[in-house]
Amino acid sequence: MPLSKAAPRRHIHTREIRCLGFEREDGLWDIEGTMTDTKTYTVDNQDRNGIAAGEPIHAMRIRVTIDADMLIHDIDVATDSGPYGICGTIVAAYQSLKGQRIKAGWRRTVLERLGGIKGCTHHTDMLLGPLAVTAFQTMRKVRVQRAEAEPMARPITLDTCHALASTSPVVKSRWPQFYTGG
């Protein structure tokens, strides 16, 4: 169902987030994300001597290298454009995620290490949402193969959204042994 018709309006800001998942030849997986913010008007900015309409205010990239168990082997973070000259100096802090696993509690792990002044809001937001979801979607084939090898294992996606609630008709059909509805 489409959105309802919008009221008359004027475009002001664009945030573009793109995430890609790659299976590497060495058995690891790369999850890459980019985030770009632009305005439709010129922004006064002391550090960059102004930012022209359409020029990125933020242009940021992350690559997380994981294994099949979602363990982070490497992370590469770059700030190509930020509103302040100091923005890119925080990228080394993201190395604190090496050795961590993208799993339940991921948000807490990221925020403990990189929340607030310990990191960059925009890089951290990418890790909390789009990159983590992209990692799970990229690893779907591996997770399905593991689930088929252990048919009694509780699906990790169970109760993660409305459609996959243990009381939903989707779960009743796909995983009747985990269905808890009436």
N, C-alpha and C. Protein backbone atom coordinates (compact mmCIF):
# COMPACT_ATOMS: atom_id res chain seq x y z
N MET A 1 0.85 -1.17 0.00
CA MET A 1 0.00 0.00 0.00
C MET A 1 0.90 1.24 0.00
N PRO A 2 0.66 2.15 -0.91
CA PRO A 2 1.52 3.35 -0.98
C PRO A 2 1.20 4.32 0.16
N LEU A 3 2.12 5.26 0.35
CA LEU A 3 1.86 6.35 1.30
C LEU A 3 0.71 7.19 0.79
N SER A 4 0.06 7.87 1.70
CA SER A 4 -0.98 8.81 1.28
C SER A 4 -0.34 9.98 0.54
N LYS A 5 -1.16 10.71 -0.20
CA LYS A 5 -0.64 11.85 -0.95
C LYS A 5 -0.08 12.88 0.02
N ALA A 6 1.12 13.37 -0.28
CA ALA A 6 1.79 14.36 0.58
C ALA A 6 1.18 15.74 0.38
N ALA A 7 1.27 16.53 1.42
CA ALA A 7 0.87 17.94 1.34
C ALA A 7 1.88 18.68 0.47
N PRO A 8 1.52 19.84 -0.06
CA PRO A 8 2.50 20.62 -0.83
C PRO A 8 3.75 20.87 0.03
N ARG A 9 4.90 20.73 -0.56
CA ARG A 9 6.14 20.82 0.22
C ARG A 9 7.32 21.18 -0.66
N ARG A 10 8.47 21.42 0.00
CA ARG A 10 9.71 21.79 -0.68
C ARG A 10 10.81 20.87 -0.16
N HIS A 11 11.56 20.25 -1.05
CA HIS A 11 12.66 19.35 -0.68
C HIS A 11 13.79 20.14 -0.01
N ILE A 12 14.26 19.67 1.15
CA ILE A 12 15.29 20.37 1.92
C ILE A 12 16.54 19.51 2.10
N HIS A 13 16.36 18.23 2.44
CA HIS A 13 17.48 17.39 2.85
C HIS A 13 17.33 15.99 2.27
N THR A 14 18.48 15.38 1.93
CA THR A 14 18.50 13.99 1.47
C THR A 14 19.55 13.23 2.27
N ARG A 15 19.15 12.11 2.80
CA ARG A 15 20.10 11.16 3.41
C ARG A 15 19.98 9.88 2.61
N GLU A 16 21.10 9.45 2.05
CA GLU A 16 21.13 8.20 1.29
C GLU A 16 22.02 7.22 2.03
N ILE A 17 21.48 6.04 2.29
CA ILE A 17 22.23 4.97 2.92
C ILE A 17 22.18 3.77 1.99
N ARG A 18 23.34 3.22 1.71
CA ARG A 18 23.41 2.05 0.85
C ARG A 18 24.30 1.02 1.52
N CYS A 19 23.81 -0.20 1.61
CA CYS A 19 24.58 -1.28 2.22
C CYS A 19 24.64 -2.45 1.25
N LEU A 20 25.82 -3.07 1.18
CA LEU A 20 26.05 -4.21 0.30
C LEU A 20 26.72 -5.33 1.08
N GLY A 21 26.35 -6.56 0.78
CA GLY A 21 26.99 -7.72 1.41
C GLY A 21 27.73 -8.54 0.38
N PHE A 22 28.95 -8.97 0.72
CA PHE A 22 29.81 -9.71 -0.22
C PHE A 22 30.34 -10.98 0.44
N GLU A 23 30.32 -12.08 -0.29
CA GLU A 23 30.99 -13.29 0.13
C GLU A 23 32.39 -13.26 -0.48
N ARG A 24 33.39 -13.38 0.37
CA ARG A 24 34.78 -13.30 -0.10
C ARG A 24 35.31 -14.69 -0.46
N GLU A 25 36.35 -14.71 -1.27
CA GLU A 25 36.96 -15.97 -1.67
C GLU A 25 37.64 -16.69 -0.51
N ASP A 26 38.02 -15.94 0.55
CA ASP A 26 38.71 -16.56 1.68
C ASP A 26 37.75 -17.10 2.76
N GLY A 27 36.44 -17.11 2.47
CA GLY A 27 35.47 -17.65 3.41
C GLY A 27 34.89 -16.62 4.37
N LEU A 28 35.41 -15.40 4.34
CA LEU A 28 34.85 -14.34 5.17
C LEU A 28 33.82 -13.55 4.35
N TRP A 29 33.18 -12.61 5.01
CA TRP A 29 32.12 -11.83 4.39
C TRP A 29 32.39 -10.35 4.67
N ASP A 30 32.20 -9.50 3.67
CA ASP A 30 32.32 -8.05 3.84
C ASP A 30 30.94 -7.44 3.77
N ILE A 31 30.64 -6.61 4.73
CA ILE A 31 29.41 -5.83 4.74
C ILE A 31 29.84 -4.37 4.66
N GLU A 32 29.42 -3.69 3.59
CA GLU A 32 29.83 -2.31 3.37
C GLU A 32 28.63 -1.39 3.38
N GLY A 33 28.84 -0.24 4.01
CA GLY A 33 27.78 0.76 4.04
C GLY A 33 28.32 2.13 3.72
N THR A 34 27.51 2.92 3.03
CA THR A 34 27.83 4.32 2.78
C THR A 34 26.62 5.16 3.20
N MET A 35 26.90 6.35 3.69
CA MET A 35 25.86 7.27 4.09
C MET A 35 26.26 8.65 3.60
N THR A 36 25.33 9.31 2.91
CA THR A 36 25.59 10.65 2.39
C THR A 36 24.42 11.55 2.74
N ASP A 37 24.73 12.73 3.28
CA ASP A 37 23.73 13.77 3.56
C ASP A 37 24.01 14.96 2.67
N THR A 38 22.98 15.47 2.02
CA THR A 38 23.09 16.70 1.23
C THR A 38 21.90 17.60 1.53
N LYS A 39 22.10 18.88 1.31
CA LYS A 39 21.04 19.88 1.45
C LYS A 39 20.75 20.48 0.08
N THR A 40 19.57 21.03 -0.06
CA THR A 40 19.19 21.68 -1.32
C THR A 40 19.58 23.15 -1.33
N TYR A 41 20.27 23.59 -0.30
CA TYR A 41 20.69 24.98 -0.17
C TYR A 41 22.12 25.02 0.37
N THR A 42 22.78 26.13 0.21
CA THR A 42 24.14 26.30 0.70
C THR A 42 24.11 26.45 2.23
N VAL A 43 25.06 25.79 2.89
CA VAL A 43 25.14 25.81 4.35
C VAL A 43 26.39 26.60 4.75
N ASP A 44 26.20 27.54 5.64
CA ASP A 44 27.37 28.24 6.20
C ASP A 44 28.16 27.23 7.02
N ASN A 45 29.46 27.21 6.81
CA ASN A 45 30.28 26.26 7.54
C ASN A 45 31.69 26.82 7.63
N GLN A 46 32.15 27.05 8.84
CA GLN A 46 33.46 27.66 9.06
C GLN A 46 34.59 26.70 8.68
N ASP A 47 34.49 25.46 9.08
CA ASP A 47 35.57 24.50 8.85
C ASP A 47 35.80 24.21 7.37
N ARG A 48 34.74 24.25 6.57
CA ARG A 48 34.87 23.92 5.15
C ARG A 48 34.62 25.13 4.26
N ASN A 49 34.59 26.30 4.86
CA ASN A 49 34.38 27.53 4.09
C ASN A 49 33.08 27.47 3.29
N GLY A 50 32.04 26.94 3.95
CA GLY A 50 30.74 26.80 3.32
C GLY A 50 30.59 25.45 2.65
N ILE A 51 29.34 25.01 2.56
CA ILE A 51 29.04 23.74 1.89
C ILE A 51 27.94 24.04 0.88
N ALA A 52 28.26 23.87 -0.39
CA ALA A 52 27.33 24.21 -1.47
C ALA A 52 26.14 23.26 -1.50
N ALA A 53 25.02 23.75 -2.00
CA ALA A 53 23.83 22.91 -2.20
C ALA A 53 24.24 21.68 -3.02
N GLY A 54 23.83 20.50 -2.56
CA GLY A 54 24.15 19.26 -3.26
C GLY A 54 25.49 18.65 -2.89
N GLU A 55 26.38 19.43 -2.28
CA GLU A 55 27.68 18.91 -1.83
C GLU A 55 27.46 18.13 -0.53
N PRO A 56 28.08 16.96 -0.37
CA PRO A 56 27.85 16.19 0.85
C PRO A 56 28.30 16.92 2.12
N ILE A 57 27.40 17.02 3.05
CA ILE A 57 27.75 17.47 4.39
C ILE A 57 28.43 16.31 5.10
N HIS A 58 27.80 15.13 4.98
CA HIS A 58 28.39 13.89 5.48
C HIS A 58 28.56 12.94 4.31
N ALA A 59 29.71 12.32 4.21
CA ALA A 59 29.95 11.22 3.28
C ALA A 59 30.81 10.23 4.05
N MET A 60 30.22 9.11 4.43
CA MET A 60 30.87 8.19 5.35
C MET A 60 30.75 6.76 4.83
N ARG A 61 31.80 5.98 5.12
CA ARG A 61 31.84 4.59 4.66
C ARG A 61 32.31 3.69 5.79
N ILE A 62 31.77 2.47 5.79
CA ILE A 62 32.19 1.44 6.75
C ILE A 62 32.26 0.11 6.01
N ARG A 63 33.27 -0.67 6.33
CA ARG A 63 33.34 -2.07 5.89
C ARG A 63 33.60 -2.92 7.13
N VAL A 64 32.72 -3.87 7.36
CA VAL A 64 32.88 -4.81 8.46
C VAL A 64 33.13 -6.18 7.84
N THR A 65 34.20 -6.85 8.26
CA THR A 65 34.52 -8.19 7.77
C THR A 65 34.17 -9.18 8.86
N ILE A 66 33.27 -10.12 8.52
CA ILE A 66 32.78 -11.09 9.50
C ILE A 66 32.96 -12.51 8.99
N ASP A 67 32.85 -13.46 9.92
CA ASP A 67 32.84 -14.87 9.52
C ASP A 67 31.40 -15.38 9.58
N ALA A 68 31.23 -16.67 9.34
CA ALA A 68 29.89 -17.25 9.29
C ALA A 68 29.17 -17.21 10.64
N ASP A 69 29.91 -17.00 11.72
CA ASP A 69 29.31 -16.86 13.04
C ASP A 69 29.09 -15.40 13.42
N MET A 70 29.23 -14.50 12.44
CA MET A 70 29.01 -13.07 12.63
C MET A 70 30.07 -12.43 13.53
N LEU A 71 31.20 -13.06 13.68
CA LEU A 71 32.31 -12.51 14.46
C LEU A 71 33.06 -11.51 13.59
N ILE A 72 33.31 -10.33 14.14
CA ILE A 72 33.99 -9.28 13.39
C ILE A 72 35.50 -9.52 13.41
N HIS A 73 36.06 -9.69 12.21
CA HIS A 73 37.50 -9.88 12.05
C HIS A 73 38.21 -8.56 11.76
N ASP A 74 37.52 -7.66 11.07
CA ASP A 74 38.13 -6.38 10.73
C ASP A 74 37.02 -5.36 10.53
N ILE A 75 37.37 -4.12 10.70
CA ILE A 75 36.44 -3.02 10.44
C ILE A 75 37.25 -1.85 9.90
N ASP A 76 36.74 -1.25 8.84
CA ASP A 76 37.39 -0.11 8.21
C ASP A 76 36.35 1.00 8.14
N VAL A 77 36.68 2.17 8.68
CA VAL A 77 35.74 3.28 8.77
C VAL A 77 36.40 4.52 8.17
N ALA A 78 35.65 5.23 7.35
CA ALA A 78 36.19 6.44 6.71
C ALA A 78 35.16 7.55 6.73
N THR A 79 35.64 8.76 6.99
CA THR A 79 34.82 9.97 6.87
C THR A 79 35.41 10.76 5.72
N ASP A 80 34.74 10.70 4.58
CA ASP A 80 35.19 11.45 3.41
C ASP A 80 34.80 12.91 3.51
N SER A 81 33.64 13.18 4.09
CA SER A 81 33.17 14.55 4.33
C SER A 81 32.44 14.59 5.66
N GLY A 82 32.73 15.60 6.41
CA GLY A 82 32.03 15.87 7.66
C GLY A 82 31.94 17.37 7.81
N PRO A 83 31.06 17.85 8.67
CA PRO A 83 30.91 19.29 8.81
C PRO A 83 32.08 19.95 9.54
N TYR A 84 32.86 19.17 10.27
CA TYR A 84 33.97 19.73 11.05
C TYR A 84 35.26 19.01 10.67
N GLY A 85 36.35 19.71 10.71
CA GLY A 85 37.65 19.13 10.38
C GLY A 85 38.02 17.97 11.28
N ILE A 86 37.50 17.94 12.48
CA ILE A 86 37.84 16.92 13.46
C ILE A 86 37.05 15.62 13.27
N CYS A 87 35.99 15.65 12.46
CA CYS A 87 35.09 14.50 12.35
C CYS A 87 35.81 13.17 12.07
N GLY A 88 36.72 13.16 11.15
CA GLY A 88 37.38 11.91 10.77
C GLY A 88 38.38 11.37 11.77
N THR A 89 38.70 12.14 12.80
CA THR A 89 39.72 11.68 13.74
C THR A 89 39.23 10.60 14.69
N ILE A 90 37.94 10.30 14.70
CA ILE A 90 37.37 9.31 15.61
C ILE A 90 37.33 7.90 15.00
N VAL A 91 37.64 7.77 13.73
CA VAL A 91 37.43 6.48 13.06
C VAL A 91 38.21 5.33 13.69
N ALA A 92 39.35 5.59 14.28
CA ALA A 92 40.13 4.51 14.90
C ALA A 92 39.39 3.86 16.07
N ALA A 93 38.50 4.60 16.71
CA ALA A 93 37.74 4.07 17.85
C ALA A 93 36.92 2.84 17.45
N TYR A 94 36.57 2.74 16.18
CA TYR A 94 35.72 1.64 15.72
C TYR A 94 36.45 0.30 15.71
N GLN A 95 37.76 0.33 15.86
CA GLN A 95 38.53 -0.91 15.98
C GLN A 95 38.12 -1.69 17.24
N SER A 96 37.49 -1.01 18.19
CA SER A 96 37.06 -1.68 19.43
C SER A 96 35.99 -2.74 19.17
N LEU A 97 35.45 -2.78 17.96
CA LEU A 97 34.45 -3.80 17.64
C LEU A 97 35.06 -5.09 17.12
N LYS A 98 36.36 -5.09 16.83
CA LYS A 98 37.01 -6.33 16.41
C LYS A 98 36.86 -7.36 17.52
N GLY A 99 36.49 -8.57 17.14
CA GLY A 99 36.32 -9.64 18.12
C GLY A 99 34.91 -9.70 18.70
N GLN A 100 34.07 -8.72 18.36
CA GLN A 100 32.68 -8.74 18.82
C GLN A 100 31.82 -9.49 17.80
N ARG A 101 30.67 -9.95 18.24
CA ARG A 101 29.75 -10.69 17.38
C ARG A 101 28.48 -9.86 17.15
N ILE A 102 28.00 -9.85 15.91
CA ILE A 102 26.72 -9.23 15.61
C ILE A 102 25.66 -10.27 15.99
N LYS A 103 24.98 -10.00 17.08
CA LYS A 103 24.00 -10.95 17.63
C LYS A 103 23.09 -10.19 18.58
N ALA A 104 22.24 -10.91 19.29
CA ALA A 104 21.39 -10.26 20.29
C ALA A 104 22.30 -9.47 21.23
N GLY A 105 21.92 -8.24 21.55
CA GLY A 105 22.74 -7.37 22.39
C GLY A 105 23.69 -6.50 21.60
N TRP A 106 23.63 -6.57 20.27
CA TRP A 106 24.53 -5.80 19.41
C TRP A 106 24.42 -4.30 19.69
N ARG A 107 23.20 -3.81 19.81
CA ARG A 107 23.01 -2.37 20.07
C ARG A 107 23.74 -1.96 21.34
N ARG A 108 23.59 -2.74 22.39
CA ARG A 108 24.25 -2.43 23.66
C ARG A 108 25.77 -2.44 23.50
N THR A 109 26.29 -3.44 22.81
CA THR A 109 27.74 -3.53 22.58
C THR A 109 28.26 -2.30 21.86
N VAL A 110 27.59 -1.91 20.78
CA VAL A 110 28.04 -0.76 19.99
C VAL A 110 27.95 0.52 20.81
N LEU A 111 26.85 0.71 21.50
CA LEU A 111 26.67 1.95 22.27
C LEU A 111 27.63 2.06 23.45
N GLU A 112 27.95 0.94 24.08
CA GLU A 112 28.94 0.96 25.18
C GLU A 112 30.29 1.42 24.67
N ARG A 113 30.68 0.96 23.50
CA ARG A 113 32.00 1.27 22.96
C ARG A 113 32.06 2.60 22.21
N LEU A 114 30.94 2.96 21.53
CA LEU A 114 31.00 4.06 20.57
C LEU A 114 29.88 5.09 20.71
N GLY A 115 29.07 4.95 21.74
CA GLY A 115 27.97 5.90 21.93
C GLY A 115 28.47 7.25 22.40
N GLY A 116 27.66 8.27 22.15
CA GLY A 116 27.99 9.62 22.60
C GLY A 116 29.32 10.10 22.06
N ILE A 117 30.15 10.65 22.94
CA ILE A 117 31.43 11.25 22.53
C ILE A 117 32.50 10.22 22.18
N LYS A 118 32.21 8.93 22.36
CA LYS A 118 33.19 7.87 22.03
C LYS A 118 33.23 7.57 20.54
N GLY A 119 32.27 8.10 19.79
CA GLY A 119 32.21 7.77 18.36
C GLY A 119 31.56 8.88 17.57
N CYS A 120 31.19 8.58 16.35
CA CYS A 120 30.49 9.48 15.45
C CYS A 120 29.05 9.00 15.36
N THR A 121 28.12 9.88 15.60
CA THR A 121 26.70 9.53 15.56
C THR A 121 26.33 8.80 14.28
N HIS A 122 26.82 9.27 13.16
CA HIS A 122 26.40 8.74 11.86
C HIS A 122 27.00 7.36 11.59
N HIS A 123 28.28 7.17 11.87
CA HIS A 123 28.88 5.84 11.72
C HIS A 123 28.20 4.86 12.66
N THR A 124 27.98 5.28 13.90
CA THR A 124 27.37 4.40 14.89
C THR A 124 25.95 4.04 14.48
N ASP A 125 25.19 5.00 13.98
CA ASP A 125 23.83 4.70 13.51
C ASP A 125 23.84 3.68 12.39
N MET A 126 24.80 3.78 11.48
CA MET A 126 24.88 2.79 10.39
C MET A 126 25.13 1.40 10.95
N LEU A 127 26.01 1.31 11.95
CA LEU A 127 26.31 0.01 12.55
C LEU A 127 25.11 -0.56 13.31
N LEU A 128 24.37 0.30 13.99
CA LEU A 128 23.23 -0.16 14.79
C LEU A 128 22.11 -0.72 13.93
N GLY A 129 21.87 -0.12 12.80
CA GLY A 129 20.72 -0.52 12.00
C GLY A 129 21.08 -1.14 10.68
N PRO A 130 21.30 -0.32 9.65
CA PRO A 130 21.42 -0.86 8.30
C PRO A 130 22.53 -1.88 8.10
N LEU A 131 23.70 -1.67 8.69
CA LEU A 131 24.78 -2.64 8.48
C LEU A 131 24.50 -3.96 9.17
N ALA A 132 23.97 -3.91 10.39
CA ALA A 132 23.67 -5.15 11.10
C ALA A 132 22.60 -5.94 10.36
N VAL A 133 21.55 -5.27 9.90
CA VAL A 133 20.49 -5.94 9.16
C VAL A 133 21.04 -6.51 7.85
N THR A 134 21.89 -5.76 7.19
CA THR A 134 22.50 -6.24 5.94
C THR A 134 23.36 -7.47 6.20
N ALA A 135 24.07 -7.49 7.32
CA ALA A 135 24.86 -8.68 7.68
C ALA A 135 23.95 -9.89 7.83
N PHE A 136 22.85 -9.74 8.53
CA PHE A 136 21.92 -10.86 8.69
C PHE A 136 21.34 -11.30 7.36
N GLN A 137 20.97 -10.35 6.51
CA GLN A 137 20.42 -10.71 5.20
C GLN A 137 21.47 -11.38 4.32
N THR A 138 22.70 -10.90 4.39
CA THR A 138 23.79 -11.49 3.61
C THR A 138 24.06 -12.91 4.05
N MET A 139 23.94 -13.16 5.34
CA MET A 139 24.25 -14.48 5.90
C MET A 139 23.05 -15.43 5.88
N ARG A 140 21.97 -15.04 5.26
CA ARG A 140 20.76 -15.85 5.25
C ARG A 140 21.01 -17.27 4.76
N LYS A 141 21.73 -17.41 3.66
CA LYS A 141 22.00 -18.73 3.09
C LYS A 141 22.70 -19.63 4.11
N VAL A 142 23.68 -19.09 4.79
CA VAL A 142 24.42 -19.85 5.81
C VAL A 142 23.50 -20.22 6.96
N ARG A 143 22.68 -19.27 7.41
CA ARG A 143 21.76 -19.54 8.53
C ARG A 143 20.73 -20.60 8.17
N VAL A 144 20.21 -20.55 6.92
CA VAL A 144 19.24 -21.55 6.48
C VAL A 144 19.88 -22.92 6.43
N GLN A 145 21.09 -23.02 5.92
CA GLN A 145 21.79 -24.30 5.87
C GLN A 145 22.01 -24.86 7.27
N ARG A 146 22.37 -24.01 8.21
CA ARG A 146 22.55 -24.46 9.60
C ARG A 146 21.23 -24.90 10.22
N ALA A 147 20.17 -24.17 9.93
CA ALA A 147 18.85 -24.52 10.47
C ALA A 147 18.38 -25.86 9.94
N GLU A 148 18.67 -26.13 8.66
CA GLU A 148 18.29 -27.42 8.08
C GLU A 148 19.08 -28.56 8.69
N ALA A 149 20.31 -28.28 9.11
CA ALA A 149 21.13 -29.30 9.76
C ALA A 149 20.66 -29.56 11.19
N GLU A 150 20.01 -28.57 11.80
CA GLU A 150 19.47 -28.69 13.16
C GLU A 150 18.00 -28.30 13.12
N PRO A 151 17.13 -29.18 12.60
CA PRO A 151 15.74 -28.80 12.39
C PRO A 151 14.98 -28.43 13.67
N MET A 152 15.45 -28.81 14.82
CA MET A 152 14.74 -28.49 16.05
C MET A 152 15.23 -27.18 16.68
N ALA A 153 16.23 -26.56 16.07
CA ALA A 153 16.75 -25.30 16.61
C ALA A 153 15.71 -24.19 16.42
N ARG A 154 15.56 -23.33 17.41
CA ARG A 154 14.62 -22.21 17.34
C ARG A 154 15.14 -21.21 16.31
N PRO A 155 14.32 -20.84 15.32
CA PRO A 155 14.76 -19.87 14.31
C PRO A 155 15.17 -18.55 14.97
N ILE A 156 16.32 -18.02 14.56
CA ILE A 156 16.81 -16.79 15.20
C ILE A 156 15.96 -15.58 14.85
N THR A 157 15.15 -15.69 13.80
CA THR A 157 14.29 -14.57 13.43
C THR A 157 12.94 -14.60 14.15
N LEU A 158 12.68 -15.65 14.89
CA LEU A 158 11.41 -15.77 15.61
C LEU A 158 11.25 -14.62 16.60
N ASP A 159 10.09 -13.99 16.58
CA ASP A 159 9.74 -12.88 17.47
C ASP A 159 10.58 -11.62 17.24
N THR A 160 11.10 -11.44 16.03
CA THR A 160 11.86 -10.22 15.73
C THR A 160 11.01 -9.16 15.03
N CYS A 161 9.82 -9.53 14.59
CA CYS A 161 8.90 -8.56 13.98
C CYS A 161 7.49 -9.12 14.04
N HIS A 162 6.53 -8.30 13.63
CA HIS A 162 5.12 -8.68 13.66
C HIS A 162 4.86 -9.96 12.87
N ALA A 163 5.39 -10.04 11.65
CA ALA A 163 5.12 -11.19 10.79
C ALA A 163 5.73 -12.48 11.35
N LEU A 164 6.81 -12.36 12.11
CA LEU A 164 7.48 -13.54 12.64
C LEU A 164 7.22 -13.75 14.13
N ALA A 165 6.14 -13.15 14.65
CA ALA A 165 5.75 -13.39 16.04
C ALA A 165 5.39 -14.86 16.20
N SER A 166 5.70 -15.44 17.34
CA SER A 166 5.42 -16.86 17.55
C SER A 166 3.92 -17.16 17.48
N THR A 167 3.08 -16.13 17.49
CA THR A 167 1.63 -16.31 17.39
C THR A 167 1.09 -16.06 15.97
N SER A 168 1.98 -15.77 15.01
CA SER A 168 1.52 -15.39 13.66
C SER A 168 1.24 -16.61 12.78
N PRO A 169 0.41 -16.41 11.75
CA PRO A 169 0.16 -17.51 10.81
C PRO A 169 1.42 -17.91 10.02
N VAL A 170 2.35 -16.98 9.87
CA VAL A 170 3.61 -17.31 9.17
C VAL A 170 4.37 -18.37 9.96
N VAL A 171 4.49 -18.17 11.27
CA VAL A 171 5.20 -19.14 12.11
C VAL A 171 4.42 -20.45 12.18
N LYS A 172 3.11 -20.37 12.26
CA LYS A 172 2.28 -21.58 12.30
C LYS A 172 2.54 -22.45 11.07
N SER A 173 2.71 -21.79 9.91
CA SER A 173 2.95 -22.51 8.66
C SER A 173 4.39 -23.00 8.53
N ARG A 174 5.37 -22.12 8.82
CA ARG A 174 6.78 -22.45 8.58
C ARG A 174 7.40 -23.27 9.69
N TRP A 175 7.07 -22.93 10.95
CA TRP A 175 7.67 -23.59 12.10
C TRP A 175 6.59 -23.96 13.12
N PRO A 176 5.74 -24.88 12.78
CA PRO A 176 4.61 -25.19 13.68
C PRO A 176 5.04 -25.59 15.09
N GLN A 177 6.22 -26.17 15.22
CA GLN A 177 6.69 -26.57 16.55
C GLN A 177 6.98 -25.38 17.46
N PHE A 178 7.11 -24.19 16.88
CA PHE A 178 7.39 -22.98 17.67
C PHE A 178 6.18 -22.05 17.75
N TYR A 179 5.08 -22.47 17.15
CA TYR A 179 3.88 -21.65 17.15
C TYR A 179 3.24 -21.69 18.55
N THR A 180 2.89 -20.50 19.07
CA THR A 180 2.30 -20.41 20.41
C THR A 180 0.93 -19.77 20.40
N GLY A 181 0.38 -19.56 19.21
CA GLY A 181 -0.94 -18.94 19.11
C GLY A 181 -2.05 -19.92 19.49
N GLY A 182 -3.27 -19.40 19.49
CA GLY A 182 -4.44 -20.22 19.87
C GLY A 182 -4.89 -21.13 18.77
